[in-house]
Protein backbone atom coordinates (compact mmCIF):
# COMPACT_ATOMS: atom_id res chain seq x y z
CA MET A 1 -8.70 7.72 19.36
CA ASN A 2 -8.89 7.27 15.63
CA ALA A 3 -6.55 6.21 12.87
CA VAL A 4 -6.64 6.68 9.11
CA LEU A 5 -6.28 3.57 6.96
CA SER A 6 -5.64 3.89 3.23
CA VAL A 7 -5.63 1.23 0.53
CA PHE A 8 -4.39 1.60 -3.04
CA GLY A 9 -3.88 -0.92 -5.82
CA LYS A 10 -5.29 -2.83 -8.75
CA ASP A 11 -9.03 -3.32 -8.33
CA THR A 12 -10.18 -6.83 -7.44
CA VAL A 13 -13.30 -8.29 -5.88
CA GLY A 14 -13.38 -8.26 -2.09
CA ILE A 15 -10.86 -5.59 -1.09
CA LEU A 16 -13.32 -3.76 1.18
CA ALA A 17 -14.43 -7.05 2.74
CA MET A 18 -10.83 -8.18 3.31
CA VAL A 19 -9.76 -4.94 4.99
CA SER A 20 -12.96 -4.81 7.04
CA ALA A 21 -12.32 -8.37 8.24
CA GLU A 22 -8.78 -7.39 9.30
CA CYS A 23 -10.18 -4.46 11.27
CA ALA A 24 -12.80 -6.68 12.89
CA GLU A 25 -10.19 -9.28 13.84
CA TYR A 26 -8.31 -6.67 15.86
CA LYS A 27 -11.44 -4.89 17.17
CA ALA A 28 -10.83 -1.70 15.16
CA ASN A 29 -14.24 -0.09 14.56
CA ILE A 30 -14.80 1.45 11.13
CA VAL A 31 -16.25 4.92 11.63
CA GLU A 32 -16.18 6.21 8.07
CA VAL A 33 -15.22 4.80 4.69
CA THR A 34 -14.93 6.16 1.19
CA GLN A 35 -13.74 4.32 -1.88
CA THR A 36 -13.46 4.83 -5.58
CA VAL A 37 -12.35 2.93 -8.65
CA ILE A 38 -10.67 4.84 -11.45
CA LYS A 39 -10.18 2.65 -14.51
CA ASP A 40 -8.65 -0.48 -12.95
CA TYR A 41 -7.31 1.18 -9.79
CA PHE A 42 -8.90 1.00 -6.36
CA ALA A 43 -8.50 3.67 -3.66
CA MET A 44 -10.06 3.65 -0.21
CA PHE A 45 -9.79 5.66 2.98
CA MET A 46 -11.17 4.56 6.32
CA VAL A 47 -11.37 6.35 9.62
CA ILE A 48 -11.20 3.68 12.29
CA ASN A 49 -11.61 3.91 16.04
CA ILE A 50 -8.71 2.17 17.78
CA ASP A 51 -9.80 2.56 21.42
CA SER A 52 -10.64 -1.14 21.74
CA LEU A 53 -7.79 -2.67 19.72
CA SER A 54 -7.04 -6.20 20.86
CA CYS A 55 -3.31 -5.66 20.27
CA ASP A 56 -0.65 -2.97 20.29
CA PHE A 57 -1.24 -0.27 17.62
CA ASN A 58 2.12 -1.00 15.97
CA HIS A 59 1.20 -4.69 15.66
CA PHE A 60 -2.06 -3.70 13.93
CA VAL A 61 -0.15 -1.42 11.55
CA ASP A 62 2.32 -4.20 10.72
CA SER A 63 -0.49 -6.71 10.20
CA CYS A 64 -2.30 -4.39 7.76
CA THR A 65 0.94 -3.65 5.89
CA SER A 66 1.66 -7.38 5.64
CA LEU A 67 -1.86 -8.09 4.38
CA GLY A 68 -1.36 -5.46 1.69
CA LYS A 69 1.90 -7.02 0.55
CA GLN A 70 0.27 -10.46 0.36
CA LYS A 71 -2.52 -9.05 -1.83
CA ALA A 72 -0.35 -6.69 -3.96
CA LEU A 73 -1.93 -3.60 -2.34
CA GLU A 74 -0.51 -0.63 -0.51
CA ILE A 75 -2.17 -0.49 2.91
CA HIS A 76 -1.09 2.24 5.32
CA VAL A 77 -2.38 2.96 8.82
CA MET A 78 -1.57 6.22 10.56
CA HIS A 79 -2.72 7.61 13.89
CA GLU A 80 -5.20 10.44 13.25
CA ASP A 81 -3.11 12.96 15.22
CA ILE A 82 -0.09 12.35 12.96
CA PHE A 83 -2.29 12.50 9.86
CA ASN A 84 -3.77 15.82 10.95
CA LEU A 85 -0.36 17.32 11.76
CA MET A 86 1.00 16.28 8.37
CA HIS A 87 -1.85 18.05 6.61
CA LYS A 88 -1.99 21.19 8.72
CA ILE A 89 -1.02 24.38 6.95
């Protein structure tokens, strides 16, 4: 199973490394990543495999959200099935 992780906020050094470390801590494997910086704003999307998570999915979501708040970023994690249903026409 996969999830979609998004990050938005003011660009600073190390955002990709920080989010990658959070994924690694919980055994979420990064499958795909894209990022961009527009002026001073950072945006990133990751597709992560959550089959081997070392915790409950909701705990991982809460941990990522908390990390975002600590770093003044918006970090959202959504199960891929929900993401796909939300964007289905």
